[in-house]
Amino acid sequence: MTYHHAFNHMNIIATYDFINDDEFVGYDPSQDLEDQPRHGTGCLGTIGGYYPGELIGPAFGASYILCKTEVTGSETAVEEDYYVAGLEWGEMMGADVASSSLSYYDWYTTDDLDGQTCVTTIAANIAFRKGMILCSSMGNSGPGKFTLGAPADSRYSLAIGAVQWNGKLAGFSSWGPTVDGRIKPDICARGVATIAASPYTTDGFGKWNGTSLSCPLAAGVVALVTQAHPDWSPYRIKEAILKTASQANRPDIRYGWGIVNAKDAINYPSFSGYVIDNATKKGLVAVIELITEKTEIVINSDSSGYFLFPNLGEGDYTVKVFKSGYKQFVTSIDIPPSEEFDIELEKKE
């Protein structure tokens, strides 16, 4: 068996083939069609591959459980049973995040996409309540309303749409809403000309299209947030992901809350911005105090004027800014959500 070098570093702690009831999830010509390894190889490389100069997945340092549940060459309802078995097995083994670039709609109607009817959707809801976040590809049936599949309609999982390099929605990316009126997708990530490991090679890479690629990219971000905040519940992780995406203040049925932002999600909720001279607009090194009834946090802005207070507790804050030769600046903010704005200081007379 030939393995791609992008996986040489990977910590794979368990594997299972739920189709053939064995532990081998690679390509077995005695029981698989030739294209069986293509999809899984690309998705795994996108989230966790490591081959500097070609591909570095966002969660290359994570530990992985691999579940083989999709039968290529056909679409039958039994695949949902394999899917549920894999999700249950992963949760039982302690998985924090699941990434699935699968979408089921052939045997469902639009009325079934209500977040509580489809088999895999029910499983996704249960997994979330047990502490695991599922990232699910939105599907490639766009443009148009109600083009998503299960389990992207789950009210708890993160449904992932696809954007191009310039942030514009991919034409194939499925739209919401769900039949009960909820916004889907939740977020988007790059799914056009996305670098992926090529199957049947040891060091080949290609540019792939689809929400099958945007999903593992977004799931990698969820893994990073989970690593940074192991004490956060799935509810708080999901809130951080949504509230820091590119259009969090105006979600819609094409982009959801927007393009995922790993750094801002890890720091959520935060207060950030630049301290600048109101006349020259140049950055200033200044002392910034963030004050509540119980705490006081003091930091300095850097040489460019940038400042960041990450992972703030909920509450009302007083902001005070001091700089020699400038008038004191005072304002107030309410956290959450995150706040981001520039502070302009005026020179003293």
Protein backbone atom coordinates (compact mmCIF):
# COMPACT_ATOMS: atom_id res chain seq x y z
CA MET A 1 0.00 0.00 0.00
CA THR A 2 1.31 3.46 -0.98
CA TYR A 3 0.74 6.33 1.43
CA HIS A 4 0.91 10.00 0.57
CA HIS A 5 3.85 11.78 2.21
CA ALA A 6 1.53 14.56 3.42
CA PHE A 7 0.28 12.01 5.97
CA ASN A 8 3.67 10.84 7.24
CA HIS A 9 3.46 13.03 10.35
CA MET A 10 -0.20 12.31 11.10
CA ASN A 11 -1.28 10.79 14.41
CA ILE A 12 -4.07 8.41 13.39
CA ILE A 13 -5.27 6.73 16.56
CA ALA A 14 -8.07 4.56 15.17
CA THR A 15 -9.66 3.54 11.86
CA TYR A 16 -12.73 1.54 10.87
CA ASP A 17 -14.43 0.59 7.63
CA PHE A 18 -18.14 0.49 8.43
CA ILE A 19 -18.95 -0.70 4.92
CA ASN A 20 -16.85 -3.87 5.00
CA ASP A 21 -16.64 -4.29 8.78
CA ASP A 22 -12.87 -4.18 9.15
CA GLU A 23 -10.20 -1.76 10.35
CA PHE A 24 -8.67 -0.94 6.96
CA VAL A 25 -9.85 2.39 5.51
CA GLY A 26 -7.46 2.58 2.56
CA TYR A 27 -8.03 1.33 -0.96
CA ASP A 28 -8.66 -2.40 -1.16
CA PRO A 29 -9.12 -3.46 -4.81
CA SER A 30 -10.82 -6.66 -3.70
CA GLN A 31 -13.74 -4.73 -2.25
CA ASP A 32 -13.52 -1.11 -3.44
CA LEU A 33 -14.12 0.67 -6.71
CA GLU A 34 -11.03 2.38 -8.08
CA ASP A 35 -12.24 5.88 -7.15
CA GLN A 36 -12.97 4.95 -3.51
CA PRO A 37 -9.84 6.61 -2.01
CA ARG A 38 -10.08 9.86 -3.99
CA HIS A 39 -12.54 11.83 -1.86
CA GLY A 40 -11.23 10.79 1.53
CA THR A 41 -7.60 11.41 0.58
CA GLY A 42 -8.38 14.94 -0.56
CA CYS A 43 -10.46 15.81 2.50
CA LEU A 44 -7.98 14.39 5.02
CA GLY A 45 -5.09 16.20 3.39
CA THR A 46 -6.98 19.48 3.42
CA ILE A 47 -7.64 19.44 7.16
CA GLY A 48 -4.48 17.78 8.40
CA GLY A 49 -1.91 17.23 5.66
CA TYR A 50 1.62 18.50 6.20
CA TYR A 51 3.99 18.90 3.28
CA PRO A 52 5.76 22.28 3.52
CA GLY A 53 5.91 24.11 0.22
CA GLU A 54 2.74 22.43 -1.03
CA LEU A 55 0.18 21.89 1.71
CA ILE A 56 -0.17 22.60 5.43
CA GLY A 57 -3.61 21.78 6.80
CA PRO A 58 -4.96 23.94 9.63
CA ALA A 59 -5.10 21.01 12.07
CA PHE A 60 -1.95 19.12 11.05
CA GLY A 61 -1.07 18.55 14.71
CA ALA A 62 -4.38 16.95 15.69
CA SER A 63 -5.06 13.28 16.37
CA TYR A 64 -7.43 11.58 13.94
CA ILE A 65 -10.05 8.85 13.89
CA LEU A 66 -10.90 7.78 10.33
CA CYS A 67 -14.29 6.30 9.47
CA LYS A 68 -15.06 4.83 6.05
CA THR A 69 -18.81 5.10 5.46
CA GLU A 70 -19.42 6.19 1.86
CA VAL A 71 -19.94 3.66 -0.93
CA THR A 72 -18.74 5.12 -4.21
CA GLY A 73 -20.64 4.31 -7.37
CA SER A 74 -24.07 4.38 -5.74
CA GLU A 75 -26.29 6.41 -3.44
CA THR A 76 -28.33 4.30 -1.02
CA ALA A 77 -29.92 5.03 2.34
CA VAL A 78 -27.78 2.43 4.11
CA GLU A 79 -24.87 4.87 3.84
CA GLU A 80 -26.60 7.04 6.44
CA ASP A 81 -26.56 4.06 8.79
CA TYR A 82 -22.82 3.68 8.23
CA TYR A 83 -22.44 7.42 8.80
CA VAL A 84 -24.32 7.31 12.11
CA ALA A 85 -22.30 4.30 13.26
CA GLY A 86 -19.08 6.16 12.49
CA LEU A 87 -20.21 9.32 14.26
CA GLU A 88 -21.31 7.36 17.33
CA TRP A 89 -18.02 5.44 17.40
CA GLY A 90 -15.99 8.64 17.13
CA GLU A 91 -17.94 10.30 19.93
CA MET A 92 -17.53 7.22 22.11
CA MET A 93 -13.76 7.44 21.59
CA GLY A 94 -13.71 11.07 22.70
CA ALA A 95 -13.54 12.98 19.42
CA ASP A 96 -14.07 16.74 19.81
CA VAL A 97 -14.66 17.68 16.17
CA ALA A 98 -16.01 15.73 13.21
CA SER A 99 -15.57 16.74 9.58
CA SER A 100 -17.87 15.19 7.00
CA SER A 101 -17.90 16.18 3.35
CA LEU A 102 -21.04 14.17 2.64
CA SER A 103 -24.55 15.37 1.81
CA TYR A 104 -27.71 13.27 1.62
CA TYR A 105 -30.81 14.36 -0.30
CA ASP A 106 -31.69 11.67 -2.87
CA TRP A 107 -34.32 10.03 -0.66
CA TYR A 108 -35.47 13.20 1.11
CA THR A 109 -37.76 16.07 0.17
CA THR A 110 -37.30 19.74 1.03
CA ASP A 111 -39.87 19.34 3.80
CA ASP A 112 -37.57 16.83 5.50
CA LEU A 113 -34.79 19.42 5.87
CA ASP A 114 -36.17 20.84 9.11
CA GLY A 115 -33.25 20.06 11.41
CA GLN A 116 -34.85 17.09 13.12
CA THR A 117 -36.02 14.53 10.56
CA CYS A 118 -33.15 13.17 8.44
CA VAL A 119 -31.22 10.26 9.93
CA THR A 120 -27.79 11.88 9.86
CA THR A 121 -29.24 15.19 11.07
CA ILE A 122 -30.65 13.52 14.17
CA ALA A 123 -27.24 11.95 14.80
CA ALA A 124 -25.51 15.32 14.40
CA ASN A 125 -27.86 16.88 16.95
CA ILE A 126 -27.19 14.12 19.47
CA ALA A 127 -23.43 14.32 18.93
CA PHE A 128 -23.44 18.06 19.64
CA ARG A 129 -25.34 17.60 22.89
CA LYS A 130 -22.75 15.01 23.89
CA GLY A 131 -19.92 17.47 23.30
CA MET A 132 -18.83 16.96 19.68
CA ILE A 133 -19.13 19.58 16.94
CA LEU A 134 -19.88 18.30 13.45
CA CYS A 135 -18.77 20.32 10.43
CA SER A 136 -20.78 19.27 7.40
CA SER A 137 -20.40 20.28 3.77
CA MET A 138 -23.32 22.36 2.55
CA GLY A 139 -23.50 20.58 -0.81
CA ASN A 140 -22.74 21.46 -4.42
CA SER A 141 -26.28 21.99 -5.75
CA GLY A 142 -26.33 25.79 -5.87
CA PRO A 143 -27.29 28.36 -6.80
CA GLY A 144 -30.83 28.46 -5.50
CA LYS A 145 -32.84 28.29 -2.30
CA PHE A 146 -33.33 25.04 -0.37
CA THR A 147 -30.47 23.26 -2.18
CA LEU A 148 -28.76 21.93 0.94
CA GLY A 149 -28.69 18.30 2.01
CA ALA A 150 -28.60 16.45 5.32
CA PRO A 151 -27.04 16.78 7.86
CA ALA A 152 -26.28 20.41 6.92
CA ASP A 153 -29.80 21.28 8.10
CA SER A 154 -28.93 20.38 11.71
CA ARG A 155 -29.60 23.28 14.05
CA TYR A 156 -26.46 22.41 16.03
CA SER A 157 -23.82 21.41 13.50
CA LEU A 158 -21.84 23.86 11.37
CA ALA A 159 -22.83 23.75 7.69
CA ILE A 160 -19.97 24.93 5.47
CA GLY A 161 -20.35 26.73 2.14
CA ALA A 162 -17.61 27.43 -0.39
CA VAL A 163 -16.04 30.68 -1.58
CA GLN A 164 -13.44 31.55 -4.20
CA TRP A 165 -9.99 33.01 -3.50
CA ASN A 166 -11.49 36.53 -3.59
CA GLY A 167 -14.21 35.77 -1.07
CA LYS A 168 -17.04 35.53 -3.60
CA LEU A 169 -19.44 32.63 -3.25
CA ALA A 170 -18.72 29.62 -5.45
CA GLY A 171 -21.46 29.15 -8.02
CA PHE A 172 -21.99 25.52 -6.99
CA SER A 173 -22.24 26.19 -3.23
CA SER A 174 -25.69 25.21 -1.95
CA TRP A 175 -27.98 27.80 -0.37
CA GLY A 176 -30.35 27.70 2.56
CA PRO A 177 -32.62 28.27 4.24
CA THR A 178 -33.87 25.17 5.99
CA VAL A 179 -37.56 24.45 5.53
CA ASP A 180 -38.26 25.89 9.00
CA GLY A 181 -36.59 29.18 8.02
CA ARG A 182 -33.16 28.95 9.67
CA ILE A 183 -30.12 30.44 7.97
CA LYS A 184 -27.76 27.97 6.36
CA PRO A 185 -24.86 27.71 5.66
CA ASP A 186 -23.35 28.75 8.97
CA ILE A 187 -19.97 29.80 7.58
CA CYS A 188 -17.86 29.55 4.44
CA ALA A 189 -14.26 28.67 3.60
CA ARG A 190 -12.31 28.36 0.39
CA GLY A 191 -13.67 25.64 -1.85
CA VAL A 192 -12.43 26.67 -5.30
CA ALA A 193 -8.94 25.67 -6.47
CA THR A 194 -8.23 24.42 -2.95
CA ILE A 195 -4.94 22.54 -2.65
CA ALA A 196 -5.47 18.87 -1.82
CA ALA A 197 -3.38 15.70 -1.71
CA SER A 198 -3.81 13.59 -4.84
CA PRO A 199 -4.67 9.91 -4.37
CA TYR A 200 -2.62 7.11 -5.94
CA THR A 201 0.56 9.20 -5.48
CA THR A 202 3.10 9.76 -2.73
CA ASP A 203 3.73 13.45 -3.35
CA GLY A 204 1.15 14.72 -5.86
CA PHE A 205 -1.16 17.67 -5.22
CA GLY A 206 -4.04 19.20 -7.13
CA LYS A 207 -6.52 22.05 -7.04
CA TRP A 208 -9.97 20.77 -6.13
CA ASN A 209 -13.40 22.40 -6.08
CA GLY A 210 -16.36 21.75 -3.82
CA THR A 211 -17.80 22.20 -0.36
CA SER A 212 -16.01 18.90 0.29
CA LEU A 213 -12.85 21.02 0.51
CA SER A 214 -14.24 24.05 2.35
CA CYS A 215 -15.65 21.76 5.05
CA PRO A 216 -12.33 20.29 6.28
CA LEU A 217 -10.72 23.73 6.15
CA ALA A 218 -13.43 25.09 8.46
CA ALA A 219 -13.28 21.98 10.65
CA GLY A 220 -9.57 22.61 11.06
CA VAL A 221 -10.37 26.05 12.43
CA VAL A 222 -12.87 24.53 14.86
CA ALA A 223 -10.11 22.15 16.00
CA LEU A 224 -7.76 25.09 16.60
CA VAL A 225 -10.36 26.89 18.71
CA THR A 226 -11.01 23.68 20.64
CA GLN A 227 -7.30 23.25 21.31
CA ALA A 228 -6.94 26.87 22.46
CA HIS A 229 -9.96 26.59 24.76
CA PRO A 230 -10.40 23.00 25.98
CA ASP A 231 -12.81 24.23 28.66
CA TRP A 232 -15.23 25.77 26.17
CA SER A 233 -18.51 24.00 25.48
CA PRO A 234 -19.62 23.26 21.90
CA TYR A 235 -22.14 26.09 22.28
CA ARG A 236 -19.42 28.63 23.07
CA ILE A 237 -17.13 27.34 20.32
CA LYS A 238 -19.94 27.66 17.79
CA GLU A 239 -20.75 31.15 19.06
CA ALA A 240 -17.12 32.22 18.66
CA ILE A 241 -16.98 30.82 15.12
CA LEU A 242 -20.19 32.55 14.02
CA LYS A 243 -19.70 35.87 15.79
CA THR A 244 -16.24 36.41 14.30
CA ALA A 245 -17.00 35.42 10.69
CA SER A 246 -16.82 38.05 7.96
CA GLN A 247 -20.48 39.08 7.89
CA ALA A 248 -21.56 38.22 11.41
CA ASN A 249 -23.82 41.28 11.60
CA ARG A 250 -25.74 40.44 8.42
CA PRO A 251 -25.99 36.67 7.89
CA ASP A 252 -27.81 35.40 4.82
CA ILE A 253 -28.77 32.13 3.12
CA ARG A 254 -25.78 32.12 0.75
CA TYR A 255 -22.77 32.93 2.97
CA GLY A 256 -24.31 32.35 6.39
CA TRP A 257 -22.34 34.38 8.93
CA GLY A 258 -19.50 34.68 6.42
CA ILE A 259 -15.94 33.45 5.93
CA VAL A 260 -14.46 31.80 9.01
CA ASN A 261 -11.71 33.69 10.88
CA ALA A 262 -9.44 31.47 12.98
CA LYS A 263 -7.55 34.19 14.86
CA ASP A 264 -10.65 36.16 15.86
CA ALA A 265 -12.51 33.02 16.89
CA ILE A 266 -9.67 31.97 19.20
CA ASN A 267 -9.59 35.44 20.78
CA TYR A 268 -13.39 35.77 21.10
CA PRO A 269 -14.80 37.84 22.69
CA SER A 270 -12.15 40.51 22.33
CA PHE A 271 -11.52 44.24 22.10
CA SER A 272 -9.00 45.35 19.50
CA GLY A 273 -8.03 48.20 17.23
CA TYR A 274 -5.40 50.88 16.74
CA VAL A 275 -4.45 53.95 18.75
CA ILE A 276 -3.70 56.72 16.25
CA ASP A 277 -2.99 60.45 16.12
CA ASN A 278 -6.23 62.13 15.03
CA ALA A 279 -4.39 64.54 12.74
CA THR A 280 -1.63 62.44 11.16
CA LYS A 281 -3.42 59.07 11.46
CA LYS A 282 -0.11 57.49 12.49
CA GLY A 283 -0.04 54.74 15.11
CA LEU A 284 0.85 55.59 18.69
CA VAL A 285 2.32 53.59 21.57
CA ALA A 286 -0.10 54.28 24.41
CA VAL A 287 -1.31 52.84 27.72
CA ILE A 288 -4.78 51.31 27.53
CA GLU A 289 -6.81 50.43 30.62
CA LEU A 290 -9.85 48.17 30.49
CA ILE A 291 -11.83 48.46 33.71
CA THR A 292 -14.84 46.72 35.26
CA GLU A 293 -16.14 46.80 38.83
CA LYS A 294 -13.96 43.79 39.69
CA THR A 295 -10.97 43.87 37.35
CA GLU A 296 -8.52 46.18 35.65
CA ILE A 297 -6.41 45.11 32.66
CA VAL A 298 -3.58 47.34 31.44
CA ILE A 299 -1.62 46.88 28.21
CA ASN A 300 0.40 48.99 25.77
CA SER A 301 -0.37 49.33 22.09
CA ASP A 302 2.55 48.30 19.87
CA SER A 303 4.64 50.51 17.60
CA SER A 304 1.94 50.45 14.92
CA GLY A 305 -0.70 51.41 17.49
CA TYR A 306 -2.32 47.96 17.50
CA PHE A 307 -3.82 46.52 20.69
CA LEU A 308 -5.75 43.37 21.58
CA PHE A 309 -7.58 42.25 24.72
CA PRO A 310 -8.49 38.58 24.05
CA ASN A 311 -11.07 36.31 25.68
CA LEU A 312 -12.82 38.89 27.80
CA GLY A 313 -15.53 38.04 30.28
CA GLU A 314 -19.08 39.23 29.77
CA GLY A 315 -19.84 42.71 31.06
CA ASP A 316 -19.60 46.47 30.68
CA TYR A 317 -16.09 47.91 30.41
CA THR A 318 -14.65 51.39 30.74
CA VAL A 319 -11.81 52.11 28.32
CA LYS A 320 -9.14 54.68 29.23
CA VAL A 321 -6.20 55.58 26.99
CA PHE A 322 -3.15 57.59 28.10
CA LYS A 323 -0.33 59.04 26.03
CA SER A 324 2.09 61.77 27.09
CA GLY A 325 1.32 64.99 25.24
CA TYR A 326 -2.21 63.85 24.33
CA LYS A 327 -5.61 64.31 25.91
CA GLN A 328 -6.97 61.32 27.82
CA PHE A 329 -9.51 59.21 25.91
CA VAL A 330 -12.44 57.56 27.73
CA THR A 331 -15.28 55.44 26.39
CA SER A 332 -17.29 52.34 27.31
CA ILE A 333 -17.93 49.01 25.60
CA ASP A 334 -20.23 46.05 26.19
CA ILE A 335 -18.80 42.53 25.78
CA PRO A 336 -19.82 40.26 24.04
CA PRO A 337 -19.79 40.50 21.08
CA SER A 338 -16.23 41.46 20.18
CA GLU A 339 -15.48 45.14 19.69
CA GLU A 340 -13.05 46.53 17.14
CA PHE A 341 -12.42 50.21 16.44
CA ASP A 342 -9.64 52.77 16.25
CA ILE A 343 -8.98 55.22 19.07
CA GLU A 344 -7.99 58.69 17.87
CA LEU A 345 -6.01 60.79 20.35
CA GLU A 346 -5.87 64.58 20.21
CA LYS A 347 -2.73 66.47 21.12
CA LYS A 348 -2.88 68.85 24.05
CA GLU A 349 -2.78 72.57 23.33
